[in-house]
N, C-alpha and C. Protein backbone atom coordinates (compact mmCIF):
# COMPACT_ATOMS: atom_id res chain seq x y z
N MET A 1 100.96 64.93 -47.00
CA MET A 1 99.64 65.42 -46.77
C MET A 1 99.70 66.89 -46.40
N ASN A 2 98.88 67.69 -47.00
CA ASN A 2 98.84 69.12 -46.71
C ASN A 2 97.88 69.36 -45.55
N VAL A 3 98.37 70.01 -44.51
CA VAL A 3 97.54 70.29 -43.35
C VAL A 3 97.58 71.77 -43.03
N ALA A 4 97.72 72.57 -44.03
CA ALA A 4 97.91 74.00 -43.82
C ALA A 4 96.64 74.77 -44.12
N SER A 5 96.61 75.97 -43.57
CA SER A 5 95.55 76.93 -43.85
C SER A 5 96.22 78.28 -44.01
N ASP A 6 95.68 79.11 -44.90
CA ASP A 6 96.23 80.45 -45.07
C ASP A 6 95.94 81.34 -43.87
N ASP A 7 94.92 81.02 -43.11
CA ASP A 7 94.53 81.81 -41.96
C ASP A 7 95.16 81.20 -40.71
N PRO A 8 96.09 81.90 -40.05
CA PRO A 8 96.76 81.32 -38.89
C PRO A 8 95.81 81.02 -37.73
N LYS A 9 94.63 81.65 -37.70
CA LYS A 9 93.66 81.37 -36.64
C LYS A 9 92.94 80.05 -36.90
N MET A 10 92.97 79.57 -38.14
CA MET A 10 92.28 78.34 -38.49
C MET A 10 93.28 77.21 -38.64
N THR A 11 93.83 76.77 -37.55
CA THR A 11 94.77 75.67 -37.60
C THR A 11 94.37 74.62 -36.58
N ASN A 12 94.62 73.40 -36.92
CA ASN A 12 94.46 72.30 -36.00
C ASN A 12 95.86 71.76 -35.73
N SER A 13 96.08 71.26 -34.55
CA SER A 13 97.41 70.78 -34.18
C SER A 13 97.74 69.49 -34.91
N ARG A 14 99.00 69.15 -34.89
CA ARG A 14 99.44 67.89 -35.47
C ARG A 14 98.73 66.72 -34.78
N GLU A 15 98.47 66.87 -33.49
CA GLU A 15 97.75 65.83 -32.75
C GLU A 15 96.33 65.66 -33.30
N ASP A 16 95.70 66.78 -33.70
CA ASP A 16 94.37 66.70 -34.29
C ASP A 16 94.41 65.91 -35.59
N VAL A 17 95.39 66.20 -36.42
CA VAL A 17 95.53 65.50 -37.69
C VAL A 17 95.76 64.01 -37.45
N LEU A 18 96.62 63.69 -36.50
CA LEU A 18 96.87 62.28 -36.18
C LEU A 18 95.60 61.60 -35.66
N ALA A 19 94.79 62.34 -34.89
CA ALA A 19 93.54 61.78 -34.38
C ALA A 19 92.56 61.51 -35.52
N VAL A 20 92.50 62.40 -36.51
CA VAL A 20 91.63 62.18 -37.67
C VAL A 20 92.14 60.98 -38.47
N GLU A 21 93.45 60.88 -38.67
CA GLU A 21 94.02 59.73 -39.37
C GLU A 21 93.68 58.43 -38.64
N ALA A 22 93.74 58.45 -37.31
CA ALA A 22 93.39 57.27 -36.52
C ALA A 22 91.91 56.92 -36.69
N ALA A 23 91.05 57.95 -36.74
CA ALA A 23 89.62 57.70 -36.94
C ALA A 23 89.37 57.08 -38.32
N ILE A 24 90.07 57.55 -39.33
CA ILE A 24 89.94 56.98 -40.68
C ILE A 24 90.40 55.52 -40.68
N ASN A 25 91.52 55.24 -40.02
CA ASN A 25 92.00 53.86 -39.92
C ASN A 25 90.99 52.97 -39.19
N LEU A 26 90.39 53.50 -38.13
CA LEU A 26 89.38 52.75 -37.39
C LEU A 26 88.18 52.44 -38.29
N LEU A 27 87.76 53.41 -39.08
CA LEU A 27 86.65 53.23 -40.01
C LEU A 27 86.97 52.12 -41.01
N VAL A 28 88.13 52.18 -41.62
CA VAL A 28 88.51 51.18 -42.63
C VAL A 28 88.63 49.79 -42.00
N GLN A 29 89.26 49.71 -40.84
CA GLN A 29 89.40 48.41 -40.17
C GLN A 29 88.05 47.84 -39.77
N GLY A 30 87.17 48.71 -39.25
CA GLY A 30 85.83 48.24 -38.87
C GLY A 30 85.05 47.72 -40.06
N LEU A 31 85.14 48.42 -41.20
CA LEU A 31 84.45 47.95 -42.41
C LEU A 31 85.04 46.65 -42.92
N ASN A 32 86.35 46.54 -42.93
CA ASN A 32 86.98 45.31 -43.43
C ASN A 32 86.69 44.10 -42.55
N LYS A 33 86.55 44.32 -41.25
CA LYS A 33 86.25 43.22 -40.32
C LYS A 33 84.74 43.03 -40.13
N ALA A 34 83.95 43.89 -40.79
CA ALA A 34 82.50 43.90 -40.60
C ALA A 34 82.16 44.06 -39.11
N ASP A 35 82.99 44.84 -38.41
CA ASP A 35 82.81 45.13 -36.99
C ASP A 35 82.23 46.54 -36.86
N ILE A 36 80.97 46.66 -37.18
CA ILE A 36 80.31 47.97 -37.22
C ILE A 36 80.26 48.60 -35.83
N SER A 37 80.15 47.79 -34.78
CA SER A 37 80.08 48.36 -33.44
C SER A 37 81.33 49.14 -33.08
N SER A 38 82.45 48.82 -33.72
CA SER A 38 83.70 49.53 -33.42
C SER A 38 83.75 50.93 -34.04
N ILE A 39 82.83 51.23 -34.96
CA ILE A 39 82.89 52.53 -35.63
C ILE A 39 81.66 53.40 -35.39
N THR A 40 80.71 52.93 -34.59
CA THR A 40 79.50 53.71 -34.36
C THR A 40 79.80 55.03 -33.65
N ASP A 41 80.84 55.09 -32.84
CA ASP A 41 81.16 56.33 -32.13
C ASP A 41 81.67 57.43 -33.05
N LEU A 42 81.97 57.11 -34.31
CA LEU A 42 82.42 58.13 -35.26
C LEU A 42 81.26 58.96 -35.81
N VAL A 43 80.03 58.48 -35.59
CA VAL A 43 78.85 59.09 -36.19
C VAL A 43 78.14 60.01 -35.20
N MET A 44 77.71 61.18 -35.70
CA MET A 44 76.88 62.11 -34.92
C MET A 44 75.46 62.04 -35.47
N ASP A 45 74.51 62.63 -34.76
CA ASP A 45 73.13 62.69 -35.27
C ASP A 45 73.04 63.49 -36.56
N THR A 46 74.01 64.37 -36.78
CA THR A 46 73.99 65.23 -37.97
C THR A 46 74.89 64.72 -39.09
N THR A 47 75.57 63.59 -38.89
CA THR A 47 76.46 63.06 -39.92
C THR A 47 75.67 62.79 -41.21
N LEU A 48 76.25 63.23 -42.33
CA LEU A 48 75.65 62.97 -43.65
C LEU A 48 76.56 62.04 -44.43
N LEU A 49 75.96 61.07 -45.08
CA LEU A 49 76.67 60.14 -45.94
C LEU A 49 76.02 60.22 -47.31
N LEU A 50 76.81 60.52 -48.34
CA LEU A 50 76.29 60.69 -49.70
C LEU A 50 77.00 59.71 -50.64
N PRO A 51 76.55 58.44 -50.66
CA PRO A 51 77.15 57.46 -51.55
C PRO A 51 76.67 57.65 -52.99
N PRO A 52 77.43 57.14 -53.96
CA PRO A 52 77.00 57.29 -55.36
C PRO A 52 75.72 56.51 -55.64
N ALA A 53 74.82 57.13 -56.36
CA ALA A 53 73.58 56.50 -56.84
C ALA A 53 72.73 55.92 -55.71
N ARG A 54 72.84 56.50 -54.54
CA ARG A 54 72.05 56.07 -53.38
C ARG A 54 71.51 57.30 -52.67
N PRO A 55 70.45 57.13 -51.90
CA PRO A 55 69.93 58.26 -51.13
C PRO A 55 70.92 58.71 -50.05
N THR A 56 70.80 59.95 -49.66
CA THR A 56 71.60 60.50 -48.57
C THR A 56 71.15 59.86 -47.26
N SER A 57 72.11 59.52 -46.41
CA SER A 57 71.80 58.98 -45.08
C SER A 57 72.24 59.99 -44.04
N ARG A 58 71.53 60.02 -42.93
CA ARG A 58 71.83 60.96 -41.85
C ARG A 58 71.84 60.21 -40.52
N GLY A 59 72.77 60.62 -39.66
CA GLY A 59 72.81 60.10 -38.30
C GLY A 59 72.99 58.59 -38.24
N GLN A 60 72.18 57.93 -37.45
CA GLN A 60 72.33 56.49 -37.24
C GLN A 60 72.03 55.68 -38.50
N ALA A 61 71.35 56.25 -39.48
CA ALA A 61 71.13 55.54 -40.76
C ALA A 61 72.45 55.30 -41.48
N VAL A 62 73.46 56.09 -41.16
CA VAL A 62 74.80 55.90 -41.73
C VAL A 62 75.33 54.52 -41.35
N ILE A 63 75.06 54.09 -40.13
CA ILE A 63 75.52 52.79 -39.66
C ILE A 63 74.96 51.67 -40.53
N LYS A 64 73.69 51.77 -40.93
CA LYS A 64 73.07 50.76 -41.79
C LYS A 64 73.78 50.71 -43.15
N VAL A 65 74.11 51.86 -43.71
CA VAL A 65 74.83 51.90 -44.99
C VAL A 65 76.19 51.23 -44.83
N TRP A 66 76.90 51.57 -43.76
CA TRP A 66 78.21 50.96 -43.53
C TRP A 66 78.10 49.45 -43.34
N ARG A 67 77.03 49.00 -42.66
CA ARG A 67 76.83 47.55 -42.46
C ARG A 67 76.65 46.88 -43.83
N ASN A 68 75.86 47.49 -44.71
CA ASN A 68 75.65 46.92 -46.04
C ASN A 68 76.95 46.90 -46.85
N ILE A 69 77.76 47.94 -46.73
CA ILE A 69 79.05 47.96 -47.42
C ILE A 69 79.93 46.84 -46.89
N ALA A 70 79.97 46.68 -45.58
CA ALA A 70 80.83 45.66 -44.98
C ALA A 70 80.40 44.25 -45.40
N ILE A 71 79.11 44.05 -45.58
CA ILE A 71 78.61 42.74 -46.00
C ILE A 71 78.97 42.45 -47.46
N GLY A 72 78.84 43.46 -48.33
CA GLY A 72 79.01 43.23 -49.77
C GLY A 72 80.40 43.49 -50.32
N GLN A 73 81.27 44.13 -49.54
CA GLN A 73 82.59 44.51 -50.03
C GLN A 73 83.68 43.91 -49.15
N GLU A 74 84.87 43.88 -49.67
CA GLU A 74 86.04 43.47 -48.89
C GLU A 74 87.24 44.22 -49.43
N GLY A 75 88.36 44.12 -48.74
CA GLY A 75 89.58 44.77 -49.21
C GLY A 75 89.43 46.27 -49.32
N ILE A 76 88.69 46.87 -48.40
CA ILE A 76 88.46 48.31 -48.44
C ILE A 76 89.75 49.02 -48.03
N GLY A 77 90.13 50.00 -48.82
CA GLY A 77 91.31 50.80 -48.52
C GLY A 77 91.04 52.26 -48.82
N MET A 78 91.63 53.13 -48.01
CA MET A 78 91.50 54.57 -48.24
C MET A 78 92.91 55.16 -48.25
N MET A 79 93.14 56.04 -49.21
CA MET A 79 94.43 56.71 -49.32
C MET A 79 94.17 58.21 -49.39
N SER A 80 94.54 58.90 -48.33
CA SER A 80 94.36 60.34 -48.28
C SER A 80 95.37 61.01 -49.20
N THR A 81 94.89 61.97 -49.99
CA THR A 81 95.80 62.72 -50.86
C THR A 81 95.92 64.18 -50.43
N GLN A 82 94.95 64.65 -49.66
CA GLN A 82 95.00 66.02 -49.18
C GLN A 82 94.19 66.12 -47.90
N MET A 83 94.79 66.67 -46.86
CA MET A 83 94.08 66.91 -45.62
C MET A 83 94.38 68.34 -45.22
N ASP A 84 93.32 69.13 -44.99
CA ASP A 84 93.57 70.51 -44.60
C ASP A 84 92.49 71.01 -43.66
N THR A 85 92.86 72.05 -42.95
CA THR A 85 91.96 72.70 -42.01
C THR A 85 91.10 73.68 -42.78
N ILE A 86 89.78 73.59 -42.57
CA ILE A 86 88.91 74.57 -43.23
C ILE A 86 88.26 75.49 -42.21
N ALA A 87 88.34 75.14 -40.95
CA ALA A 87 87.87 75.98 -39.85
C ALA A 87 88.43 75.39 -38.57
N GLU A 88 88.41 76.18 -37.52
CA GLU A 88 88.86 75.65 -36.24
C GLU A 88 87.98 74.46 -35.87
N GLY A 89 88.60 73.33 -35.61
CA GLY A 89 87.85 72.13 -35.25
C GLY A 89 87.22 71.40 -36.42
N VAL A 90 87.59 71.75 -37.65
CA VAL A 90 87.06 71.07 -38.84
C VAL A 90 88.22 70.76 -39.78
N ILE A 91 88.34 69.48 -40.14
CA ILE A 91 89.38 69.04 -41.07
C ILE A 91 88.71 68.37 -42.26
N ARG A 92 89.18 68.72 -43.46
CA ARG A 92 88.70 68.08 -44.69
C ARG A 92 89.76 67.10 -45.15
N ASP A 93 89.33 65.90 -45.49
CA ASP A 93 90.22 64.88 -46.04
C ASP A 93 89.68 64.49 -47.41
N VAL A 94 90.55 64.49 -48.41
CA VAL A 94 90.20 64.11 -49.77
C VAL A 94 91.15 62.99 -50.17
N GLY A 95 90.62 61.99 -50.85
CA GLY A 95 91.50 60.90 -51.24
C GLY A 95 90.81 59.89 -52.15
N THR A 96 91.34 58.69 -52.14
CA THR A 96 90.87 57.61 -52.99
C THR A 96 90.42 56.44 -52.12
N LEU A 97 89.30 55.88 -52.48
CA LEU A 97 88.70 54.76 -51.78
C LEU A 97 88.66 53.58 -52.75
N SER A 98 89.09 52.43 -52.28
CA SER A 98 89.08 51.23 -53.11
C SER A 98 88.35 50.13 -52.35
N MET A 99 87.54 49.36 -53.07
CA MET A 99 86.88 48.21 -52.46
C MET A 99 86.63 47.15 -53.52
N ARG A 100 86.48 45.93 -53.06
CA ARG A 100 86.31 44.78 -53.96
C ARG A 100 85.00 44.08 -53.60
N LEU A 101 84.20 43.76 -54.61
CA LEU A 101 82.96 43.01 -54.39
C LEU A 101 83.30 41.62 -53.87
N ARG A 102 82.65 41.20 -52.82
CA ARG A 102 82.91 39.87 -52.25
C ARG A 102 82.60 38.75 -53.25
N GLN A 103 81.50 38.86 -53.99
CA GLN A 103 81.08 37.77 -54.87
C GLN A 103 81.96 37.64 -56.11
N SER A 104 82.25 38.74 -56.77
CA SER A 104 82.96 38.66 -58.05
C SER A 104 84.44 38.98 -57.95
N GLY A 105 84.84 39.64 -56.89
CA GLY A 105 86.24 40.06 -56.77
C GLY A 105 86.56 41.32 -57.56
N GLU A 106 85.54 41.90 -58.24
CA GLU A 106 85.76 43.12 -59.02
C GLU A 106 86.10 44.27 -58.09
N ARG A 107 87.20 44.97 -58.43
CA ARG A 107 87.64 46.11 -57.62
C ARG A 107 87.10 47.39 -58.23
N SER A 108 86.62 48.27 -57.35
CA SER A 108 86.12 49.58 -57.77
C SER A 108 86.96 50.65 -57.09
N LEU A 109 87.14 51.74 -57.79
CA LEU A 109 87.93 52.86 -57.29
C LEU A 109 87.04 54.09 -57.25
N PHE A 110 87.11 54.82 -56.14
CA PHE A 110 86.29 56.00 -55.92
C PHE A 110 87.16 57.15 -55.45
N ARG A 111 86.67 58.37 -55.64
CA ARG A 111 87.24 59.55 -55.01
C ARG A 111 86.31 59.92 -53.86
N TYR A 112 86.89 60.37 -52.74
CA TYR A 112 86.05 60.72 -51.60
C TYR A 112 86.47 62.07 -51.03
N ALA A 113 85.54 62.66 -50.30
CA ALA A 113 85.81 63.84 -49.48
C ALA A 113 85.07 63.63 -48.17
N MET A 114 85.78 63.87 -47.07
CA MET A 114 85.19 63.75 -45.75
C MET A 114 85.45 65.03 -44.97
N LEU A 115 84.48 65.43 -44.18
CA LEU A 115 84.66 66.51 -43.22
C LEU A 115 84.60 65.89 -41.84
N TRP A 116 85.60 66.20 -41.03
CA TRP A 116 85.69 65.72 -39.66
C TRP A 116 85.54 66.91 -38.74
N GLN A 117 84.76 66.74 -37.69
CA GLN A 117 84.50 67.82 -36.75
C GLN A 117 84.92 67.39 -35.35
N ARG A 118 85.63 68.27 -34.67
CA ARG A 118 86.03 67.98 -33.29
C ARG A 118 84.84 68.27 -32.39
N VAL A 119 84.48 67.27 -31.60
CA VAL A 119 83.39 67.38 -30.63
C VAL A 119 84.01 67.04 -29.27
N GLY A 120 84.21 68.07 -28.46
CA GLY A 120 84.94 67.85 -27.21
C GLY A 120 86.38 67.50 -27.55
N HIS A 121 86.81 66.33 -27.12
CA HIS A 121 88.17 65.88 -27.41
C HIS A 121 88.21 64.79 -28.48
N GLU A 122 87.07 64.53 -29.11
CA GLU A 122 87.00 63.47 -30.12
C GLU A 122 86.71 64.06 -31.49
N TRP A 123 87.11 63.32 -32.52
CA TRP A 123 86.81 63.70 -33.90
C TRP A 123 85.70 62.81 -34.42
N LYS A 124 84.67 63.44 -34.99
CA LYS A 124 83.51 62.74 -35.51
C LYS A 124 83.37 63.04 -37.00
N LEU A 125 82.82 62.09 -37.72
CA LEU A 125 82.57 62.28 -39.14
C LEU A 125 81.35 63.18 -39.31
N ALA A 126 81.53 64.31 -39.96
CA ALA A 126 80.42 65.23 -40.23
C ALA A 126 79.77 64.91 -41.57
N THR A 127 80.59 64.68 -42.60
CA THR A 127 80.08 64.42 -43.95
C THR A 127 81.06 63.53 -44.70
N MET A 128 80.53 62.59 -45.46
CA MET A 128 81.35 61.79 -46.38
C MET A 128 80.59 61.66 -47.68
N ILE A 129 81.29 61.94 -48.76
CA ILE A 129 80.73 61.78 -50.10
C ILE A 129 81.78 61.05 -50.93
N TRP A 130 81.33 60.15 -51.78
CA TRP A 130 82.26 59.50 -52.69
C TRP A 130 81.59 59.24 -54.02
N ASN A 131 82.41 59.27 -55.08
CA ASN A 131 81.95 59.04 -56.45
C ASN A 131 82.91 58.09 -57.13
N ARG A 132 82.37 57.29 -58.02
CA ARG A 132 83.19 56.33 -58.75
C ARG A 132 84.21 57.05 -59.62
N GLU A 133 85.42 56.57 -59.58
CA GLU A 133 86.49 57.09 -60.43
C GLU A 133 86.22 56.58 -61.84
N PRO A 134 86.22 57.47 -62.84
CA PRO A 134 86.00 56.99 -64.21
C PRO A 134 87.09 56.01 -64.64
N ALA A 135 86.70 55.02 -65.43
CA ALA A 135 87.68 54.09 -65.98
C ALA A 135 88.62 54.84 -66.91
N ALA A 136 89.78 54.30 -67.15
CA ALA A 136 90.78 54.94 -68.02
C ALA A 136 90.15 55.29 -69.36
N GLY A 137 90.36 56.52 -69.79
CA GLY A 137 89.86 56.98 -71.06
C GLY A 137 88.44 57.52 -71.04
N GLN A 138 87.78 57.44 -69.88
CA GLN A 138 86.42 57.96 -69.78
C GLN A 138 86.44 59.32 -69.12
N ARG A 139 85.49 60.14 -69.53
CA ARG A 139 85.27 61.41 -68.83
C ARG A 139 84.27 61.14 -67.71
N GLN A 140 84.30 62.01 -66.70
CA GLN A 140 83.32 61.90 -65.62
C GLN A 140 81.92 61.95 -66.21
N GLY A 141 81.03 61.08 -65.76
CA GLY A 141 79.67 61.06 -66.27
C GLY A 141 79.43 59.98 -67.29
N GLN A 142 80.50 59.43 -67.88
CA GLN A 142 80.35 58.35 -68.86
C GLN A 142 80.57 57.03 -68.15
N GLY A 143 79.74 56.06 -68.39
CA GLY A 143 79.95 54.72 -67.88
C GLY A 143 80.14 54.67 -66.38
N GLN A 144 79.29 55.37 -65.64
CA GLN A 144 79.47 55.44 -64.20
C GLN A 144 79.36 54.09 -63.53
N GLY A 145 78.83 53.10 -64.20
CA GLY A 145 78.71 51.79 -63.60
C GLY A 145 79.99 50.99 -63.65
N GLN A 146 81.00 51.47 -64.35
CA GLN A 146 82.24 50.72 -64.49
C GLN A 146 83.27 51.24 -63.52
N GLY A 147 83.97 50.33 -62.88
CA GLY A 147 84.98 50.72 -61.89
C GLY A 147 86.37 50.66 -62.49
N GLY A 148 87.28 51.35 -61.85
CA GLY A 148 88.68 51.30 -62.22
C GLY A 148 89.41 50.31 -61.36
N THR A 149 90.71 50.19 -61.54
CA THR A 149 91.52 49.33 -60.71
C THR A 149 92.66 50.13 -60.15
N ALA A 150 93.18 49.67 -59.05
CA ALA A 150 94.30 50.36 -58.42
C ALA A 150 95.09 49.38 -57.58
N SER A 151 96.33 49.68 -57.38
CA SER A 151 97.14 48.93 -56.45
C SER A 151 97.09 49.66 -55.13
N PHE A 152 96.51 49.04 -54.12
CA PHE A 152 96.23 49.71 -52.86
C PHE A 152 96.81 48.93 -51.70
N THR A 153 97.20 49.62 -50.69
CA THR A 153 97.50 48.98 -49.43
C THR A 153 96.22 49.00 -48.63
N GLU A 154 95.73 47.82 -48.31
CA GLU A 154 94.49 47.74 -47.55
C GLU A 154 94.81 47.86 -46.08
N MET A 155 93.93 48.52 -45.35
CA MET A 155 94.15 48.72 -43.92
C MET A 155 93.46 47.65 -43.14
């Protein structure tokens, strides 16, 4: 995972990165267990959630979206591919999100980007956006309703 910045003034400590990784793990575990109360502290009043083909959610409305995801999905996994500092107290995480529909077992693969902001001594989710990964052989924008498959370690 890349945690570097070209600007030496814009660095977060290794402990900050580990704290963000722990927050991501908490999010995934809470969604997989449908234990939404365990992840509400990750949300700020200004948190934005931008899911594919859905309206943007802000603040506590994010919790409702997560509750709906937890009800309809299972086997949620996130794999970070790049984590870097974009400002003091702000970390960007980019990676792959995988989830399986509870009813059909169909697995979908998404790309995500999250911004995490340090508030006091805690890391909070500032923004999360994700888009469906195109199926093999498709360009982005074609067949957005079709999901890909992946071998994932679920958290």
